[in-house]
Amino acid sequence: LVLNRDQRISWPENSFDLVSRELYAHSIRKLQAHVLFIKAVHGYFDVRSYYSKESLSFMIHTLKSTLKE
């Protein structure tokens, strides 16, 4: 497997055209809704002092799965 390491891929003008403004706004609203839902269900924790809490891992998993969509 050979990876293409062309630096032009990382240029902003080559990546921002893939997402329209409407899709970007919709994605941000959806992500914000998920974050607010998690805060409402599990409360808001300080990450440093509640690192071992299960709800934090749930939040991280939910955010990662949302970002994959």
PDB file of N, CA and C in Angstrom:
ATOM      1  N   LEU A   1       0.851  -1.178   0.000  1.00  0.00           N
ATOM      2  CA  LEU A   1       0.000   0.000   0.000  1.00  0.00           C
ATOM      3  C   LEU A   1       0.895   1.239   0.000  1.00  0.00           C
ATOM      4  N   VAL A   2       0.685   2.099  -0.947  1.00  0.00           N
ATOM      5  CA  VAL A   2       1.456   3.329  -1.053  1.00  0.00           C
ATOM      6  C   VAL A   2       0.522   4.501  -0.817  1.00  0.00           C
ATOM      7  N   LEU A   3       0.892   5.359   0.111  1.00  0.00           N
ATOM      8  CA  LEU A   3       0.074   6.525   0.412  1.00  0.00           C
ATOM      9  C   LEU A   3       0.549   7.713  -0.402  1.00  0.00           C
ATOM     10  N   ASN A   4      -0.387   8.458  -0.915  1.00  0.00           N
ATOM     11  CA  ASN A   4      -0.062   9.666  -1.653  1.00  0.00           C
ATOM     12  C   ASN A   4       0.145  10.787  -0.646  1.00  0.00           C
ATOM     13  N   ARG A   5       1.315  11.331  -0.582  1.00  0.00           N
ATOM     14  CA  ARG A   5       1.628  12.377   0.386  1.00  0.00           C
ATOM     15  C   ARG A   5       1.710  13.741  -0.277  1.00  0.00           C
ATOM     16  N   ASP A   6       0.867  13.957  -1.214  1.00  0.00           N
ATOM     17  CA  ASP A   6       0.849  15.232  -1.919  1.00  0.00           C
ATOM     18  C   ASP A   6       0.403  16.328  -0.957  1.00  0.00           C
ATOM     19  N   GLN A   7       1.216  17.343  -0.783  1.00  0.00           N
ATOM     20  CA  GLN A   7       0.925  18.420   0.163  1.00  0.00           C
ATOM     21  C   GLN A   7      -0.261  19.267  -0.266  1.00  0.00           C
ATOM     22  N   ARG A   8      -0.612  19.234  -1.537  1.00  0.00           N
ATOM     23  CA  ARG A   8      -1.740  20.033  -2.003  1.00  0.00           C
ATOM     24  C   ARG A   8      -3.061  19.579  -1.393  1.00  0.00           C
ATOM     25  N   ILE A   9      -3.117  18.342  -0.937  1.00  0.00           N
ATOM     26  CA  ILE A   9      -4.342  17.834  -0.317  1.00  0.00           C
ATOM     27  C   ILE A   9      -4.649  18.597   0.966  1.00  0.00           C
ATOM     28  N   SER A  10      -3.639  19.017   1.688  1.00  0.00           N
ATOM     29  CA  SER A  10      -3.847  19.699   2.968  1.00  0.00           C
ATOM     30  C   SER A  10      -4.104  21.193   2.825  1.00  0.00           C
ATOM     31  N   TRP A  11      -4.019  21.737   1.635  1.00  0.00           N
ATOM     32  CA  TRP A  11      -4.286  23.162   1.446  1.00  0.00           C
ATOM     33  C   TRP A  11      -5.762  23.447   1.664  1.00  0.00           C
ATOM     34  N   PRO A  12      -6.105  24.500   2.372  1.00  0.00           N
ATOM     35  CA  PRO A  12      -7.515  24.803   2.664  1.00  0.00           C
ATOM     36  C   PRO A  12      -8.379  24.963   1.421  1.00  0.00           C
ATOM     37  N   GLU A  13      -7.845  25.560   0.383  1.00  0.00           N
ATOM     38  CA  GLU A  13      -8.677  25.778  -0.803  1.00  0.00           C
ATOM     39  C   GLU A  13      -9.027  24.474  -1.508  1.00  0.00           C
ATOM     40  N   ASN A  14      -8.296  23.395  -1.219  1.00  0.00           N
ATOM     41  CA  ASN A  14      -8.601  22.103  -1.822  1.00  0.00           C
ATOM     42  C   ASN A  14      -9.531  21.258  -0.964  1.00  0.00           C
ATOM     43  N   SER A  15      -9.744  21.630   0.266  1.00  0.00           N
ATOM     44  CA  SER A  15     -10.576  20.814   1.146  1.00  0.00           C
ATOM     45  C   SER A  15     -11.910  21.460   1.495  1.00  0.00           C
ATOM     46  N   PHE A  16     -11.993  22.788   1.506  1.00  0.00           N
ATOM     47  CA  PHE A  16     -13.222  23.445   1.920  1.00  0.00           C
ATOM     48  C   PHE A  16     -14.326  23.357   0.879  1.00  0.00           C
ATOM     49  N   ASP A  17     -13.985  23.148  -0.376  1.00  0.00           N
ATOM     50  CA  ASP A  17     -15.007  23.071  -1.409  1.00  0.00           C
ATOM     51  C   ASP A  17     -15.821  21.788  -1.329  1.00  0.00           C
ATOM     52  N   LEU A  18     -15.348  20.812  -0.570  1.00  0.00           N
ATOM     53  CA  LEU A  18     -16.060  19.548  -0.469  1.00  0.00           C
ATOM     54  C   LEU A  18     -17.336  19.669   0.354  1.00  0.00           C
ATOM     55  N   VAL A  19     -17.418  20.672   1.207  1.00  0.00           N
ATOM     56  CA  VAL A  19     -18.565  20.841   2.093  1.00  0.00           C
ATOM     57  C   VAL A  19     -19.215  22.190   1.806  1.00  0.00           C
ATOM     58  N   SER A  20     -20.502  22.146   1.486  1.00  0.00           N
ATOM     59  CA  SER A  20     -21.211  23.397   1.243  1.00  0.00           C
ATOM     60  C   SER A  20     -21.506  24.085   2.572  1.00  0.00           C
ATOM     61  N   ARG A  21     -21.868  25.349   2.499  1.00  0.00           N
ATOM     62  CA  ARG A  21     -22.193  26.091   3.728  1.00  0.00           C
ATOM     63  C   ARG A  21     -23.394  25.483   4.438  1.00  0.00           C
ATOM     64  N   GLU A  22     -24.389  25.055   3.671  1.00  0.00           N
ATOM     65  CA  GLU A  22     -25.594  24.477   4.270  1.00  0.00           C
ATOM     66  C   GLU A  22     -25.270  23.168   4.985  1.00  0.00           C
ATOM     67  N   LEU A  23     -24.472  22.325   4.339  1.00  0.00           N
ATOM     68  CA  LEU A  23     -24.102  21.055   4.957  1.00  0.00           C
ATOM     69  C   LEU A  23     -23.241  21.285   6.196  1.00  0.00           C
ATOM     70  N   TYR A  24     -22.341  22.250   6.130  1.00  0.00           N
ATOM     71  CA  TYR A  24     -21.498  22.577   7.281  1.00  0.00           C
ATOM     72  C   TYR A  24     -22.354  23.063   8.447  1.00  0.00           C
ATOM     73  N   ALA A  25     -23.291  23.978   8.185  1.00  0.00           N
ATOM     74  CA  ALA A  25     -24.157  24.503   9.246  1.00  0.00           C
ATOM     75  C   ALA A  25     -25.014  23.393   9.841  1.00  0.00           C
ATOM     76  N   HIS A  26     -25.530  22.510   8.988  1.00  0.00           N
ATOM     77  CA  HIS A  26     -26.347  21.395   9.468  1.00  0.00           C
ATOM     78  C   HIS A  26     -25.514  20.458  10.350  1.00  0.00           C
ATOM     79  N   SER A  27     -24.291  20.165   9.931  1.00  0.00           N
ATOM     80  CA  SER A  27     -23.426  19.273  10.703  1.00  0.00           C
ATOM     81  C   SER A  27     -23.075  19.859  12.062  1.00  0.00           C
ATOM     82  N   ILE A  28     -22.797  21.153  12.101  1.00  0.00           N
ATOM     83  CA  ILE A  28     -22.468  21.802  13.369  1.00  0.00           C
ATOM     84  C   ILE A  28     -23.674  21.803  14.299  1.00  0.00           C
ATOM     85  N   ARG A  29     -24.864  22.084  13.760  1.00  0.00           N
ATOM     86  CA  ARG A  29     -26.075  22.052  14.597  1.00  0.00           C
ATOM     87  C   ARG A  29     -26.335  20.650  15.129  1.00  0.00           C
ATOM     88  N   LYS A  30     -26.118  19.647  14.295  1.00  0.00           N
ATOM     89  CA  LYS A  30     -26.320  18.264  14.713  1.00  0.00           C
ATOM     90  C   LYS A  30     -25.330  17.890  15.814  1.00  0.00           C
ATOM     91  N   LEU A  31     -24.073  18.284  15.641  1.00  0.00           N
ATOM     92  CA  LEU A  31     -23.061  18.015  16.656  1.00  0.00           C
ATOM     93  C   LEU A  31     -23.392  18.730  17.957  1.00  0.00           C
ATOM     94  N   GLN A  32     -23.836  19.973  17.864  1.00  0.00           N
ATOM     95  CA  GLN A  32     -24.203  20.731  19.058  1.00  0.00           C
ATOM     96  C   GLN A  32     -25.389  20.077  19.759  1.00  0.00           C
ATOM     97  N   ALA A  33     -26.347  19.572  18.995  1.00  0.00           N
ATOM     98  CA  ALA A  33     -27.499  18.902  19.594  1.00  0.00           C
ATOM     99  C   ALA A  33     -27.063  17.653  20.342  1.00  0.00           C
ATOM    100  N   HIS A  34     -26.124  16.901  19.784  1.00  0.00           N
ATOM    101  CA  HIS A  34     -25.623  15.711  20.470  1.00  0.00           C
ATOM    102  C   HIS A  34     -24.906  16.084  21.763  1.00  0.00           C
ATOM    103  N   VAL A  35     -24.101  17.119  21.713  1.00  0.00           N
ATOM    104  CA  VAL A  35     -23.361  17.548  22.909  1.00  0.00           C
ATOM    105  C   VAL A  35     -24.327  18.016  23.990  1.00  0.00           C
ATOM    106  N   LEU A  36     -25.327  18.796  23.609  1.00  0.00           N
ATOM    107  CA  LEU A  36     -26.303  19.264  24.591  1.00  0.00           C
ATOM    108  C   LEU A  36     -27.105  18.106  25.165  1.00  0.00           C
ATOM    109  N   PHE A  37     -27.421  17.110  24.342  1.00  0.00           N
ATOM    110  CA  PHE A  37     -28.141  15.938  24.824  1.00  0.00           C
ATOM    111  C   PHE A  37     -27.300  15.171  25.841  1.00  0.00           C
ATOM    112  N   ILE A  38     -26.035  14.995  25.549  1.00  0.00           N
ATOM    113  CA  ILE A  38     -25.148  14.286  26.477  1.00  0.00           C
ATOM    114  C   ILE A  38     -25.031  15.049  27.788  1.00  0.00           C
ATOM    115  N   LYS A  39     -24.905  16.359  27.711  1.00  0.00           N
ATOM    116  CA  LYS A  39     -24.833  17.164  28.931  1.00  0.00           C
ATOM    117  C   LYS A  39     -26.119  17.062  29.733  1.00  0.00           C
ATOM    118  N   ALA A  40     -27.254  17.031  29.063  1.00  0.00           N
ATOM    119  CA  ALA A  40     -28.535  16.952  29.765  1.00  0.00           C
ATOM    120  C   ALA A  40     -28.714  15.597  30.436  1.00  0.00           C
ATOM    121  N   VAL A  41     -28.282  14.539  29.781  1.00  0.00           N
ATOM    122  CA  VAL A  41     -28.478  13.197  30.321  1.00  0.00           C
ATOM    123  C   VAL A  41     -27.461  12.879  31.412  1.00  0.00           C
ATOM    124  N   HIS A  42     -26.205  13.192  31.172  1.00  0.00           N
ATOM    125  CA  HIS A  42     -25.138  12.769  32.076  1.00  0.00           C
ATOM    126  C   HIS A  42     -24.542  13.889  32.910  1.00  0.00           C
ATOM    127  N   GLY A  43     -24.953  15.099  32.675  1.00  0.00           N
ATOM    128  CA  GLY A  43     -24.371  16.205  33.409  1.00  0.00           C
ATOM    129  C   GLY A  43     -23.067  16.650  32.780  1.00  0.00           C
ATOM    130  N   TYR A  44     -22.545  17.738  33.283  1.00  0.00           N
ATOM    131  CA  TYR A  44     -21.291  18.280  32.760  1.00  0.00           C
ATOM    132  C   TYR A  44     -20.191  17.987  33.757  1.00  0.00           C
ATOM    133  N   PHE A  45     -19.167  17.276  33.329  1.00  0.00           N
ATOM    134  CA  PHE A  45     -18.082  16.885  34.215  1.00  0.00           C
ATOM    135  C   PHE A  45     -16.805  17.610  33.838  1.00  0.00           C
ATOM    136  N   ASP A  46     -15.990  17.866  34.858  1.00  0.00           N
ATOM    137  CA  ASP A  46     -14.639  18.358  34.613  1.00  0.00           C
ATOM    138  C   ASP A  46     -13.813  17.165  34.143  1.00  0.00           C
ATOM    139  N   VAL A  47     -13.257  17.263  32.968  1.00  0.00           N
ATOM    140  CA  VAL A  47     -12.577  16.131  32.354  1.00  0.00           C
ATOM    141  C   VAL A  47     -11.411  15.649  33.199  1.00  0.00           C
ATOM    142  N   ARG A  48     -10.670  16.548  33.789  1.00  0.00           N
ATOM    143  CA  ARG A  48      -9.486  16.148  34.547  1.00  0.00           C
ATOM    144  C   ARG A  48      -9.834  15.369  35.811  1.00  0.00           C
ATOM    145  N   SER A  49     -10.880  15.760  36.502  1.00  0.00           N
ATOM    146  CA  SER A  49     -11.193  15.087  37.763  1.00  0.00           C
ATOM    147  C   SER A  49     -12.145  13.908  37.598  1.00  0.00           C
ATOM    148  N   TYR A  50     -12.784  13.763  36.464  1.00  0.00           N
ATOM    149  CA  TYR A  50     -13.729  12.669  36.244  1.00  0.00           C
ATOM    150  C   TYR A  50     -13.313  11.819  35.054  1.00  0.00           C
ATOM    151  N   TYR A  51     -12.024  11.635  34.877  1.00  0.00           N
ATOM    152  CA  TYR A  51     -11.532  10.912  33.708  1.00  0.00           C
ATOM    153  C   TYR A  51     -11.989   9.459  33.708  1.00  0.00           C
ATOM    154  N   SER A  52     -12.140   8.854  34.878  1.00  0.00           N
ATOM    155  CA  SER A  52     -12.484   7.436  34.936  1.00  0.00           C
ATOM    156  C   SER A  52     -13.985   7.184  34.884  1.00  0.00           C
ATOM    157  N   LYS A  53     -14.794   8.222  34.815  1.00  0.00           N
ATOM    158  CA  LYS A  53     -16.243   8.042  34.771  1.00  0.00           C
ATOM    159  C   LYS A  53     -16.660   7.404  33.455  1.00  0.00           C
ATOM    160  N   GLU A  54     -17.652   6.546  33.521  1.00  0.00           N
ATOM    161  CA  GLU A  54     -18.141   5.886  32.315  1.00  0.00           C
ATOM    162  C   GLU A  54     -18.844   6.865  31.386  1.00  0.00           C
ATOM    163  N   SER A  55     -19.477   7.887  31.937  1.00  0.00           N
ATOM    164  CA  SER A  55     -20.188   8.844  31.088  1.00  0.00           C
ATOM    165  C   SER A  55     -19.234   9.616  30.190  1.00  0.00           C
ATOM    166  N   LEU A  56     -18.002   9.836  30.659  1.00  0.00           N
ATOM    167  CA  LEU A  56     -17.022  10.523  29.819  1.00  0.00           C
ATOM    168  C   LEU A  56     -16.670   9.668  28.610  1.00  0.00           C
ATOM    169  N   SER A  57     -16.491   8.377  28.826  1.00  0.00           N
ATOM    170  CA  SER A  57     -16.200   7.509  27.682  1.00  0.00           C
ATOM    171  C   SER A  57     -17.397   7.445  26.746  1.00  0.00           C
ATOM    172  N   PHE A  58     -18.613   7.501  27.296  1.00  0.00           N
ATOM    173  CA  PHE A  58     -19.814   7.553  26.460  1.00  0.00           C
ATOM    174  C   PHE A  58     -19.832   8.825  25.624  1.00  0.00           C
ATOM    175  N   MET A  59     -19.468   9.947  26.234  1.00  0.00           N
ATOM    176  CA  MET A  59     -19.431  11.219  25.508  1.00  0.00           C
ATOM    177  C   MET A  59     -18.413  11.164  24.384  1.00  0.00           C
ATOM    178  N   ILE A  60     -17.240  10.656  24.674  1.00  0.00           N
ATOM    179  CA  ILE A  60     -16.185  10.583  23.662  1.00  0.00           C
ATOM    180  C   ILE A  60     -16.607   9.659  22.531  1.00  0.00           C
ATOM    181  N   HIS A  61     -17.177   8.519  22.862  1.00  0.00           N
ATOM    182  CA  HIS A  61     -17.634   7.578  21.832  1.00  0.00           C
ATOM    183  C   HIS A  61     -18.724   8.201  20.969  1.00  0.00           C
ATOM    184  N   THR A  62     -19.672   8.894  21.587  1.00  0.00           N
ATOM    185  CA  THR A  62     -20.759   9.516  20.835  1.00  0.00           C
ATOM    186  C   THR A  62     -20.243  10.616  19.922  1.00  0.00           C
ATOM    187  N   LEU A  63     -19.337  11.436  20.411  1.00  0.00           N
ATOM    188  CA  LEU A  63     -18.770  12.495  19.575  1.00  0.00           C
ATOM    189  C   LEU A  63     -17.967  11.920  18.416  1.00  0.00           C
ATOM    190  N   LYS A  64     -17.195  10.874  18.669  1.00  0.00           N
ATOM    191  CA  LYS A  64     -16.423  10.264  17.587  1.00  0.00           C
ATOM    192  C   LYS A  64     -17.337   9.658  16.533  1.00  0.00           C
ATOM    193  N   SER A  65     -18.406   8.991  16.973  1.00  0.00           N
ATOM    194  CA  SER A  65     -19.318   8.398  15.997  1.00  0.00           C
ATOM    195  C   SER A  65     -20.068   9.471  15.224  1.00  0.00           C
ATOM    196  N   THR A  66     -20.365  10.601  15.870  1.00  0.00           N
ATOM    197  CA  THR A  66     -21.027  11.703  15.169  1.00  0.00           C
ATOM    198  C   THR A  66     -20.100  12.312  14.137  1.00  0.00           C
ATOM    199  N   LEU A  67     -18.839  12.458  14.487  1.00  0.00           N
ATOM    200  CA  LEU A  67     -17.885  13.043  13.549  1.00  0.00           C
ATOM    201  C   LEU A  67     -17.595  12.116  12.374  1.00  0.00           C
ATOM    202  N   LYS A  68     -17.767  10.807  12.564  1.00  0.00           N
ATOM    203  CA  LYS A  68     -17.558   9.871  11.458  1.00  0.00           C
ATOM    204  C   LYS A  68     -18.650   9.977  10.413  1.00  0.00           C
ATOM    205  N   GLU A  69     -19.850  10.414  10.824  1.00  0.00           N
ATOM    206  CA  GLU A  69     -20.970  10.518   9.886  1.00  0.00           C
ATOM    207  C   GLU A  69     -20.718  11.573   8.938  1.00  0.00           C
TER     208      GLU A  69
END
